[in-house]
Amino acid sequence: MARDFSEGPESKSGGLLGPVPLSQPHPAISKLLSVSQPNQLWTPRPLAEWMVIIRLEKFMPAQLDDSMRRHLIDELFESWLAEQISKIGPLQPLSSVSAIER
């Protein structure tokens, strides 16, 4: 059905999206997927301006491998950096610094 009727990019993949973390899709879709069993098909339901049919193809539990470890470290660093920058406040361009401060 997705190949024939879908209007999004999933029409090219036969309706398959992912793998994606459960936090990525629309919250209503995430909720259904979190209580789904593999290959469970949900009846068509409205979601915003669309009608969606949802099926969990496969559940892949998260693994703390090197790639995930790097992703978590990067995420923590970005969060820390944003916090540090917000503590500094807005920076002033060098041209506005007085000659005495130079």
PDB file of N, CA and C in Angstrom:
ATOM      1  N   MET A   1       0.812  -1.190   0.000  1.00  0.00           N
ATOM      2  CA  MET A   1       0.000   0.000   0.000  1.00  0.00           C
ATOM      3  C   MET A   1       0.861   1.261   0.000  1.00  0.00           C
ATOM      4  N   ALA A   2       1.991   1.219   0.728  1.00  0.00           N
ATOM      5  CA  ALA A   2       2.830   2.412   0.806  1.00  0.00           C
ATOM      6  C   ALA A   2       3.370   2.800  -0.568  1.00  0.00           C
ATOM      7  N   ARG A   3       3.748   1.818  -1.364  1.00  0.00           N
ATOM      8  CA  ARG A   3       4.273   2.129  -2.694  1.00  0.00           C
ATOM      9  C   ARG A   3       3.225   2.842  -3.551  1.00  0.00           C
ATOM     10  N   ASP A   4       1.966   2.435  -3.402  1.00  0.00           N
ATOM     11  CA  ASP A   4       0.903   2.989  -4.236  1.00  0.00           C
ATOM     12  C   ASP A   4       0.294   4.274  -3.689  1.00  0.00           C
ATOM     13  N   PHE A   5       0.198   4.400  -2.361  1.00  0.00           N
ATOM     14  CA  PHE A   5      -0.584   5.501  -1.800  1.00  0.00           C
ATOM     15  C   PHE A   5       0.199   6.487  -0.951  1.00  0.00           C
ATOM     16  N   SER A   6       1.392   6.138  -0.514  1.00  0.00           N
ATOM     17  CA  SER A   6       2.147   7.034   0.355  1.00  0.00           C
ATOM     18  C   SER A   6       2.587   8.273  -0.400  1.00  0.00           C
ATOM     19  N   GLU A   7       2.590   9.409   0.316  1.00  0.00           N
ATOM     20  CA  GLU A   7       3.007  10.665  -0.288  1.00  0.00           C
ATOM     21  C   GLU A   7       4.367  11.128   0.245  1.00  0.00           C
ATOM     22  N   GLY A   8       4.973  10.351   1.120  1.00  0.00           N
ATOM     23  CA  GLY A   8       6.257  10.725   1.708  1.00  0.00           C
ATOM     24  C   GLY A   8       7.392   9.887   1.140  1.00  0.00           C
ATOM     25  N   PRO A   9       8.598  10.081   1.694  1.00  0.00           N
ATOM     26  CA  PRO A   9       9.766   9.345   1.201  1.00  0.00           C
ATOM     27  C   PRO A   9       9.657   7.837   1.426  1.00  0.00           C
ATOM     28  N   GLU A  10       8.817   7.414   2.368  1.00  0.00           N
ATOM     29  CA  GLU A  10       8.656   5.982   2.623  1.00  0.00           C
ATOM     30  C   GLU A  10       7.999   5.255   1.454  1.00  0.00           C
ATOM     31  N   SER A  11       7.426   6.001   0.508  1.00  0.00           N
ATOM     32  CA  SER A  11       6.824   5.356  -0.663  1.00  0.00           C
ATOM     33  C   SER A  11       7.880   4.637  -1.490  1.00  0.00           C
ATOM     34  N   LYS A  12       9.131   5.108  -1.428  1.00  0.00           N
ATOM     35  CA  LYS A  12      10.214   4.492  -2.198  1.00  0.00           C
ATOM     36  C   LYS A  12      10.788   3.258  -1.514  1.00  0.00           C
ATOM     37  N   SER A  13      10.549   3.131  -0.201  1.00  0.00           N
ATOM     38  CA  SER A  13      11.118   2.001   0.543  1.00  0.00           C
ATOM     39  C   SER A  13      10.051   0.987   0.951  1.00  0.00           C
ATOM     40  N   GLY A  14       8.897   1.059   0.308  1.00  0.00           N
ATOM     41  CA  GLY A  14       7.836   0.119   0.639  1.00  0.00           C
ATOM     42  C   GLY A  14       7.215   0.392   1.998  1.00  0.00           C
ATOM     43  N   GLY A  15       7.343   1.618   2.476  1.00  0.00           N
ATOM     44  CA  GLY A  15       6.755   1.987   3.755  1.00  0.00           C
ATOM     45  C   GLY A  15       7.691   1.843   4.937  1.00  0.00           C
ATOM     46  N   LEU A  16       8.876   1.293   4.707  1.00  0.00           N
ATOM     47  CA  LEU A  16       9.801   1.072   5.819  1.00  0.00           C
ATOM     48  C   LEU A  16      10.575   2.346   6.147  1.00  0.00           C
ATOM     49  N   LEU A  17      10.674   2.630   7.422  1.00  0.00           N
ATOM     50  CA  LEU A  17      11.484   3.731   7.922  1.00  0.00           C
ATOM     51  C   LEU A  17      12.371   3.175   9.021  1.00  0.00           C
ATOM     52  N   GLY A  18      13.613   3.597   9.057  1.00  0.00           N
ATOM     53  CA  GLY A  18      14.460   3.177  10.170  1.00  0.00           C
ATOM     54  C   GLY A  18      15.595   2.291   9.746  1.00  0.00           C
ATOM     55  N   PRO A  19      16.286   1.780  10.745  1.00  0.00           N
ATOM     56  CA  PRO A  19      15.943   1.830  12.164  1.00  0.00           C
ATOM     57  C   PRO A  19      16.131   3.228  12.742  1.00  0.00           C
ATOM     58  N   VAL A  20      15.233   3.577  13.677  1.00  0.00           N
ATOM     59  CA  VAL A  20      15.286   4.869  14.358  1.00  0.00           C
ATOM     60  C   VAL A  20      15.025   4.658  15.837  1.00  0.00           C
ATOM     61  N   PRO A  21      15.564   5.542  16.695  1.00  0.00           N
ATOM     62  CA  PRO A  21      15.228   5.459  18.119  1.00  0.00           C
ATOM     63  C   PRO A  21      13.748   5.753  18.321  1.00  0.00           C
ATOM     64  N   LEU A  22      13.131   5.178  19.343  1.00  0.00           N
ATOM     65  CA  LEU A  22      11.713   5.400  19.593  1.00  0.00           C
ATOM     66  C   LEU A  22      11.399   6.860  19.896  1.00  0.00           C
ATOM     67  N   SER A  23      12.396   7.637  20.243  1.00  0.00           N
ATOM     68  CA  SER A  23      12.171   9.054  20.528  1.00  0.00           C
ATOM     69  C   SER A  23      12.061   9.897  19.264  1.00  0.00           C
ATOM     70  N   GLN A  24      12.395   9.344  18.118  1.00  0.00           N
ATOM     71  CA  GLN A  24      12.430  10.124  16.883  1.00  0.00           C
ATOM     72  C   GLN A  24      11.067  10.311  16.211  1.00  0.00           C
ATOM     73  N   PRO A  25      10.232   9.280  16.082  1.00  0.00           N
ATOM     74  CA  PRO A  25       8.956   9.488  15.380  1.00  0.00           C
ATOM     75  C   PRO A  25       7.995  10.369  16.196  1.00  0.00           C
ATOM     76  N   HIS A  26       6.887  10.710  15.594  1.00  0.00           N
ATOM     77  CA  HIS A  26       5.812  11.434  16.271  1.00  0.00           C
ATOM     78  C   HIS A  26       5.467  10.683  17.561  1.00  0.00           C
ATOM     79  N   PRO A  27       5.175  11.396  18.653  1.00  0.00           N
ATOM     80  CA  PRO A  27       4.892  10.725  19.931  1.00  0.00           C
ATOM     81  C   PRO A  27       3.793   9.664  19.855  1.00  0.00           C
ATOM     82  N   ALA A  28       2.767   9.883  19.040  1.00  0.00           N
ATOM     83  CA  ALA A  28       1.697   8.888  18.908  1.00  0.00           C
ATOM     84  C   ALA A  28       2.223   7.600  18.261  1.00  0.00           C
ATOM     85  N   ILE A  29       3.105   7.754  17.294  1.00  0.00           N
ATOM     86  CA  ILE A  29       3.700   6.585  16.634  1.00  0.00           C
ATOM     87  C   ILE A  29       4.645   5.872  17.602  1.00  0.00           C
ATOM     88  N   SER A  30       5.452   6.636  18.318  1.00  0.00           N
ATOM     89  CA  SER A  30       6.372   6.045  19.301  1.00  0.00           C
ATOM     90  C   SER A  30       5.621   5.238  20.341  1.00  0.00           C
ATOM     91  N   LYS A  31       4.492   5.786  20.790  1.00  0.00           N
ATOM     92  CA  LYS A  31       3.690   5.086  21.803  1.00  0.00           C
ATOM     93  C   LYS A  31       3.199   3.741  21.273  1.00  0.00           C
ATOM     94  N   LEU A  32       2.688   3.726  20.044  1.00  0.00           N
ATOM     95  CA  LEU A  32       2.225   2.466  19.457  1.00  0.00           C
ATOM     96  C   LEU A  32       3.369   1.484  19.264  1.00  0.00           C
ATOM     97  N   LEU A  33       4.487   1.985  18.768  1.00  0.00           N
ATOM     98  CA  LEU A  33       5.620   1.096  18.539  1.00  0.00           C
ATOM     99  C   LEU A  33       6.160   0.520  19.846  1.00  0.00           C
ATOM    100  N   SER A  34       6.105   1.300  20.917  1.00  0.00           N
ATOM    101  CA  SER A  34       6.652   0.829  22.200  1.00  0.00           C
ATOM    102  C   SER A  34       5.840  -0.311  22.802  1.00  0.00           C
ATOM    103  N   VAL A  35       4.576  -0.433  22.409  1.00  0.00           N
ATOM    104  CA  VAL A  35       3.745  -1.536  22.934  1.00  0.00           C
ATOM    105  C   VAL A  35       3.494  -2.605  21.873  1.00  0.00           C
ATOM    106  N   SER A  36       4.145  -2.490  20.722  1.00  0.00           N
ATOM    107  CA  SER A  36       3.954  -3.443  19.621  1.00  0.00           C
ATOM    108  C   SER A  36       4.850  -4.655  19.758  1.00  0.00           C
ATOM    109  N   GLN A  37       4.386  -5.730  19.192  1.00  0.00           N
ATOM    110  CA  GLN A  37       5.194  -6.927  19.000  1.00  0.00           C
ATOM    111  C   GLN A  37       5.665  -6.912  17.546  1.00  0.00           C
ATOM    112  N   PRO A  38       6.826  -7.512  17.240  1.00  0.00           N
ATOM    113  CA  PRO A  38       7.273  -7.539  15.841  1.00  0.00           C
ATOM    114  C   PRO A  38       6.180  -8.081  14.917  1.00  0.00           C
ATOM    115  N   ASN A  39       6.002  -7.402  13.803  1.00  0.00           N
ATOM    116  CA  ASN A  39       5.021  -7.715  12.757  1.00  0.00           C
ATOM    117  C   ASN A  39       3.575  -7.431  13.146  1.00  0.00           C
ATOM    118  N   GLN A  40       3.322  -6.847  14.313  1.00  0.00           N
ATOM    119  CA  GLN A  40       1.962  -6.463  14.690  1.00  0.00           C
ATOM    120  C   GLN A  40       1.526  -5.298  13.817  1.00  0.00           C
ATOM    121  N   LEU A  41       0.364  -5.440  13.203  1.00  0.00           N
ATOM    122  CA  LEU A  41      -0.172  -4.418  12.302  1.00  0.00           C
ATOM    123  C   LEU A  41      -1.303  -3.682  13.003  1.00  0.00           C
ATOM    124  N   TRP A  42      -1.215  -2.350  13.038  1.00  0.00           N
ATOM    125  CA  TRP A  42      -2.249  -1.522  13.644  1.00  0.00           C
ATOM    126  C   TRP A  42      -3.208  -1.049  12.566  1.00  0.00           C
ATOM    127  N   THR A  43      -4.463  -0.896  12.933  1.00  0.00           N
ATOM    128  CA  THR A  43      -5.463  -0.416  11.977  1.00  0.00           C
ATOM    129  C   THR A  43      -5.127   1.015  11.555  1.00  0.00           C
ATOM    130  N   PRO A  44      -5.579   1.422  10.383  1.00  0.00           N
ATOM    131  CA  PRO A  44      -5.324   2.801   9.944  1.00  0.00           C
ATOM    132  C   PRO A  44      -5.881   3.797  10.964  1.00  0.00           C
ATOM    133  N   ARG A  45      -5.112   4.849  11.211  1.00  0.00           N
ATOM    134  CA  ARG A  45      -5.551   5.863  12.176  1.00  0.00           C
ATOM    135  C   ARG A  45      -5.085   7.231  11.714  1.00  0.00           C
ATOM    136  N   PRO A  46      -5.872   8.258  12.087  1.00  0.00           N
ATOM    137  CA  PRO A  46      -5.471   9.618  11.704  1.00  0.00           C
ATOM    138  C   PRO A  46      -4.300  10.102  12.541  1.00  0.00           C
ATOM    139  N   LEU A  47      -3.421  10.835  11.909  1.00  0.00           N
ATOM    140  CA  LEU A  47      -2.292  11.463  12.595  1.00  0.00           C
ATOM    141  C   LEU A  47      -2.048  12.795  11.890  1.00  0.00           C
ATOM    142  N   ALA A  48      -2.412  13.880  12.567  1.00  0.00           N
ATOM    143  CA  ALA A  48      -2.376  15.214  11.970  1.00  0.00           C
ATOM    144  C   ALA A  48      -3.212  15.179  10.691  1.00  0.00           C
ATOM    145  N   GLU A  49      -2.620  15.557   9.557  1.00  0.00           N
ATOM    146  CA  GLU A  49      -3.394  15.569   8.309  1.00  0.00           C
ATOM    147  C   GLU A  49      -3.271  14.266   7.515  1.00  0.00           C
ATOM    148  N   TRP A  50      -2.674  13.240   8.099  1.00  0.00           N
ATOM    149  CA  TRP A  50      -2.463  11.976   7.397  1.00  0.00           C
ATOM    150  C   TRP A  50      -3.271  10.842   8.019  1.00  0.00           C
ATOM    151  N   MET A  51      -3.348   9.772   7.274  1.00  0.00           N
ATOM    152  CA  MET A  51      -3.818   8.479   7.797  1.00  0.00           C
ATOM    153  C   MET A  51      -2.592   7.578   7.771  1.00  0.00           C
ATOM    154  N   VAL A  52      -2.309   6.923   8.889  1.00  0.00           N
ATOM    155  CA  VAL A  52      -1.119   6.074   8.955  1.00  0.00           C
ATOM    156  C   VAL A  52      -1.500   4.652   9.321  1.00  0.00           C
ATOM    157  N   ILE A  53      -0.729   3.735   8.783  1.00  0.00           N
ATOM    158  CA  ILE A  53      -0.815   2.319   9.143  1.00  0.00           C
ATOM    159  C   ILE A  53       0.558   1.975   9.700  1.00  0.00           C
ATOM    160  N   ILE A  54       0.573   1.430  10.902  1.00  0.00           N
ATOM    161  CA  ILE A  54       1.844   1.224  11.595  1.00  0.00           C
ATOM    162  C   ILE A  54       2.059  -0.251  11.868  1.00  0.00           C
ATOM    163  N   ARG A  55       3.283  -0.688  11.630  1.00  0.00           N
ATOM    164  CA  ARG A  55       3.706  -2.046  11.976  1.00  0.00           C
ATOM    165  C   ARG A  55       5.154  -1.987  12.427  1.00  0.00           C
ATOM    166  N   LEU A  56       5.428  -2.625  13.556  1.00  0.00           N
ATOM    167  CA  LEU A  56       6.807  -2.737  14.021  1.00  0.00           C
ATOM    168  C   LEU A  56       7.440  -3.899  13.274  1.00  0.00           C
ATOM    169  N   GLU A  57       8.388  -3.585  12.439  1.00  0.00           N
ATOM    170  CA  GLU A  57       9.057  -4.616  11.649  1.00  0.00           C
ATOM    171  C   GLU A  57       9.951  -5.478  12.529  1.00  0.00           C
ATOM    172  N   LYS A  58      10.775  -4.816  13.328  1.00  0.00           N
ATOM    173  CA  LYS A  58      11.738  -5.532  14.157  1.00  0.00           C
ATOM    174  C   LYS A  58      12.150  -4.623  15.301  1.00  0.00           C
ATOM    175  N   PHE A  59      12.275  -5.174  16.505  1.00  0.00           N
ATOM    176  CA  PHE A  59      12.757  -4.396  17.643  1.00  0.00           C
ATOM    177  C   PHE A  59      14.236  -4.690  17.818  1.00  0.00           C
ATOM    178  N   MET A  60      15.020  -3.634  17.855  1.00  0.00           N
ATOM    179  CA  MET A  60      16.465  -3.788  18.020  1.00  0.00           C
ATOM    180  C   MET A  60      16.863  -3.065  19.302  1.00  0.00           C
ATOM    181  N   PRO A  61      17.142  -3.790  20.380  1.00  0.00           N
ATOM    182  CA  PRO A  61      17.512  -3.112  21.621  1.00  0.00           C
ATOM    183  C   PRO A  61      18.813  -2.331  21.457  1.00  0.00           C
ATOM    184  N   ALA A  62      18.911  -1.233  22.207  1.00  0.00           N
ATOM    185  CA  ALA A  62      20.122  -0.412  22.149  1.00  0.00           C
ATOM    186  C   ALA A  62      21.306  -1.201  22.688  1.00  0.00           C
ATOM    187  N   GLN A  63      22.465  -0.949  22.113  1.00  0.00           N
ATOM    188  CA  GLN A  63      23.696  -1.602  22.550  1.00  0.00           C
ATOM    189  C   GLN A  63      24.752  -0.532  22.784  1.00  0.00           C
ATOM    190  N   LEU A  64      25.505  -0.691  23.854  1.00  0.00           N
ATOM    191  CA  LEU A  64      26.571   0.263  24.128  1.00  0.00           C
ATOM    192  C   LEU A  64      27.839  -0.191  23.410  1.00  0.00           C
ATOM    193  N   ASP A  65      27.817  -0.041  22.085  1.00  0.00           N
ATOM    194  CA  ASP A  65      28.999  -0.357  21.293  1.00  0.00           C
ATOM    195  C   ASP A  65      29.812   0.928  21.101  1.00  0.00           C
ATOM    196  N   ASP A  66      30.895   0.853  20.355  1.00  0.00           N
ATOM    197  CA  ASP A  66      31.763   2.021  20.165  1.00  0.00           C
ATOM    198  C   ASP A  66      31.028   3.189  19.517  1.00  0.00           C
ATOM    199  N   SER A  67      30.174   2.888  18.559  1.00  0.00           N
ATOM    200  CA  SER A  67      29.437   3.943  17.869  1.00  0.00           C
ATOM    201  C   SER A  67      28.475   4.646  18.829  1.00  0.00           C
ATOM    202  N   MET A  68      27.728   3.890  19.618  1.00  0.00           N
ATOM    203  CA  MET A  68      26.789   4.476  20.568  1.00  0.00           C
ATOM    204  C   MET A  68      27.542   5.244  21.653  1.00  0.00           C
ATOM    205  N   ARG A  69      28.656   4.705  22.100  1.00  0.00           N
ATOM    206  CA  ARG A  69      29.476   5.378  23.115  1.00  0.00           C
ATOM    207  C   ARG A  69      29.931   6.739  22.599  1.00  0.00           C
ATOM    208  N   ARG A  70      30.415   6.779  21.365  1.00  0.00           N
ATOM    209  CA  ARG A  70      30.860   8.038  20.757  1.00  0.00           C
ATOM    210  C   ARG A  70      29.696   9.023  20.641  1.00  0.00           C
ATOM    211  N   HIS A  71      28.536   8.528  20.229  1.00  0.00           N
ATOM    212  CA  HIS A  71      27.342   9.372  20.095  1.00  0.00           C
ATOM    213  C   HIS A  71      26.960   9.977  21.447  1.00  0.00           C
ATOM    214  N   LEU A  72      26.968   9.188  22.503  1.00  0.00           N
ATOM    215  CA  LEU A  72      26.619   9.687  23.834  1.00  0.00           C
ATOM    216  C   LEU A  72      27.636  10.701  24.333  1.00  0.00           C
ATOM    217  N   ILE A  73      28.911  10.448  24.104  1.00  0.00           N
ATOM    218  CA  ILE A  73      29.956  11.395  24.506  1.00  0.00           C
ATOM    219  C   ILE A  73      29.775  12.719  23.760  1.00  0.00           C
ATOM    220  N   ASP A  74      29.514  12.655  22.454  1.00  0.00           N
ATOM    221  CA  ASP A  74      29.305  13.877  21.662  1.00  0.00           C
ATOM    222  C   ASP A  74      28.090  14.653  22.164  1.00  0.00           C
ATOM    223  N   GLU A  75      27.027  13.928  22.465  1.00  0.00           N
ATOM    224  CA  GLU A  75      25.800  14.564  22.961  1.00  0.00           C
ATOM    225  C   GLU A  75      26.055  15.264  24.305  1.00  0.00           C
ATOM    226  N   LEU A  76      26.757  14.590  25.207  1.00  0.00           N
ATOM    227  CA  LEU A  76      27.078  15.195  26.499  1.00  0.00           C
ATOM    228  C   LEU A  76      27.982  16.417  26.334  1.00  0.00           C
ATOM    229  N   PHE A  77      28.954  16.330  25.430  1.00  0.00           N
ATOM    230  CA  PHE A  77      29.842  17.460  25.186  1.00  0.00           C
ATOM    231  C   PHE A  77      29.069  18.655  24.649  1.00  0.00           C
ATOM    232  N   GLU A  78      28.194  18.427  23.675  1.00  0.00           N
ATOM    233  CA  GLU A  78      27.400  19.514  23.098  1.00  0.00           C
ATOM    234  C   GLU A  78      26.543  20.183  24.170  1.00  0.00           C
ATOM    235  N   SER A  79      25.961  19.384  25.039  1.00  0.00           N
ATOM    236  CA  SER A  79      25.141  19.913  26.127  1.00  0.00           C
ATOM    237  C   SER A  79      25.991  20.745  27.095  1.00  0.00           C
ATOM    238  N   TRP A  80      27.148  20.226  27.465  1.00  0.00           N
ATOM    239  CA  TRP A  80      28.058  20.934  28.367  1.00  0.00           C
ATOM    240  C   TRP A  80      28.521  22.246  27.732  1.00  0.00           C
ATOM    241  N   LEU A  81      28.896  22.199  26.460  1.00  0.00           N
ATOM    242  CA  LEU A  81      29.383  23.384  25.757  1.00  0.00           C
ATOM    243  C   LEU A  81      28.303  24.461  25.693  1.00  0.00           C
ATOM    244  N   ALA A  82      27.071  24.074  25.384  1.00  0.00           N
ATOM    245  CA  ALA A  82      25.971  25.043  25.332  1.00  0.00           C
ATOM    246  C   ALA A  82      25.765  25.690  26.695  1.00  0.00           C
ATOM    247  N   GLU A  83      25.883  24.900  27.750  1.00  0.00           N
ATOM    248  CA  GLU A  83      25.742  25.436  29.107  1.00  0.00           C
ATOM    249  C   GLU A  83      26.855  26.445  29.414  1.00  0.00           C
ATOM    250  N   GLN A  84      28.096  26.111  29.043  1.00  0.00           N
ATOM    251  CA  GLN A  84      29.221  27.013  29.292  1.00  0.00           C
ATOM    252  C   GLN A  84      29.058  28.319  28.520  1.00  0.00           C
ATOM    253  N   ILE A  85      28.625  28.233  27.293  1.00  0.00           N
ATOM    254  CA  ILE A  85      28.435  29.426  26.469  1.00  0.00           C
ATOM    255  C   ILE A  85      27.328  30.306  27.046  1.00  0.00           C
ATOM    256  N   SER A  86      26.257  29.683  27.533  1.00  0.00           N
ATOM    257  CA  SER A  86      25.168  30.481  28.104  1.00  0.00           C
ATOM    258  C   SER A  86      25.608  31.191  29.379  1.00  0.00           C
ATOM    259  N   LYS A  87      26.570  30.630  30.111  1.00  0.00           N
ATOM    260  CA  LYS A  87      27.084  31.272  31.317  1.00  0.00           C
ATOM    261  C   LYS A  87      27.908  32.518  30.981  1.00  0.00           C
ATOM    262  N   ILE A  88      28.608  32.497  29.867  1.00  0.00           N
ATOM    263  CA  ILE A  88      29.453  33.615  29.454  1.00  0.00           C
ATOM    264  C   ILE A  88      28.603  34.800  29.027  1.00  0.00           C
ATOM    265  N   GLY A  89      27.509  34.537  28.374  1.00  0.00           N
ATOM    266  CA  GLY A  89      26.664  35.610  27.862  1.00  0.00           C
ATOM    267  C   GLY A  89      27.107  36.012  26.474  1.00  0.00           C
ATOM    268  N   PRO A  90      26.452  37.028  25.914  1.00  0.00           N
ATOM    269  CA  PRO A  90      26.797  37.433  24.542  1.00  0.00           C
ATOM    270  C   PRO A  90      28.214  37.997  24.474  1.00  0.00           C
ATOM    271  N   LEU A  91      28.920  37.628  23.440  1.00  0.00           N
ATOM    272  CA  LEU A  91      30.280  38.124  23.232  1.00  0.00           C
ATOM    273  C   LEU A  91      30.235  39.432  22.463  1.00  0.00           C
ATOM    274  N   GLN A  92      31.187  40.275  22.717  1.00  0.00           N
ATOM    275  CA  GLN A  92      31.268  41.552  22.022  1.00  0.00           C
ATOM    276  C   GLN A  92      32.341  41.450  20.940  1.00  0.00           C
ATOM    277  N   PRO A  93      32.101  42.058  19.794  1.00  0.00           N
ATOM    278  CA  PRO A  93      33.123  42.032  18.743  1.00  0.00           C
ATOM    279  C   PRO A  93      34.376  42.773  19.201  1.00  0.00           C
ATOM    280  N   LEU A  94      35.520  42.342  18.703  1.00  0.00           N
ATOM    281  CA  LEU A  94      36.796  42.958  19.083  1.00  0.00           C
ATOM    282  C   LEU A  94      36.839  44.440  18.749  1.00  0.00           C
ATOM    283  N   SER A  95      36.175  44.869  17.715  1.00  0.00           N
ATOM    284  CA  SER A  95      36.206  46.274  17.302  1.00  0.00           C
ATOM    285  C   SER A  95      35.586  47.189  18.349  1.00  0.00           C
ATOM    286  N   SER A  96      34.743  46.651  19.235  1.00  0.00           N
ATOM    287  CA  SER A  96      34.097  47.507  20.229  1.00  0.00           C
ATOM    288  C   SER A  96      34.899  47.583  21.531  1.00  0.00           C
ATOM    289  N   VAL A  97      36.005  46.852  21.614  1.00  0.00           N
ATOM    290  CA  VAL A  97      36.850  46.906  22.813  1.00  0.00           C
ATOM    291  C   VAL A  97      37.658  48.194  22.756  1.00  0.00           C
ATOM    292  N   SER A  98      37.724  48.909  23.859  1.00  0.00           N
ATOM    293  CA  SER A  98      38.445  50.196  23.865  1.00  0.00           C
ATOM    294  C   SER A  98      39.948  49.975  23.745  1.00  0.00           C
ATOM    295  N   ALA A  99      40.659  51.027  23.353  1.00  0.00           N
ATOM    296  CA  ALA A  99      42.108  50.957  23.163  1.00  0.00           C
ATOM    297  C   ALA A  99      42.817  50.668  24.481  1.00  0.00           C
ATOM    298  N   ILE A 100      42.251  51.092  25.593  1.00  0.00           N
ATOM    299  CA  ILE A 100      42.872  50.868  26.896  1.00  0.00           C
ATOM    300  C   ILE A 100      42.840  49.379  27.258  1.00  0.00           C
ATOM    301  N   GLU A 101      41.762  48.691  26.907  1.00  0.00           N
ATOM    302  CA  GLU A 101      41.649  47.269  27.215  1.00  0.00           C
ATOM    303  C   GLU A 101      42.564  46.420  26.353  1.00  0.00           C
ATOM    304  N   ARG A 102      42.969  46.936  25.216  1.00  0.00           N
ATOM    305  CA  ARG A 102      43.834  46.164  24.310  1.00  0.00           C
ATOM    306  C   ARG A 102      45.186  46.155  24.900  1.00  0.00           C
TER     307      ARG A 102
END
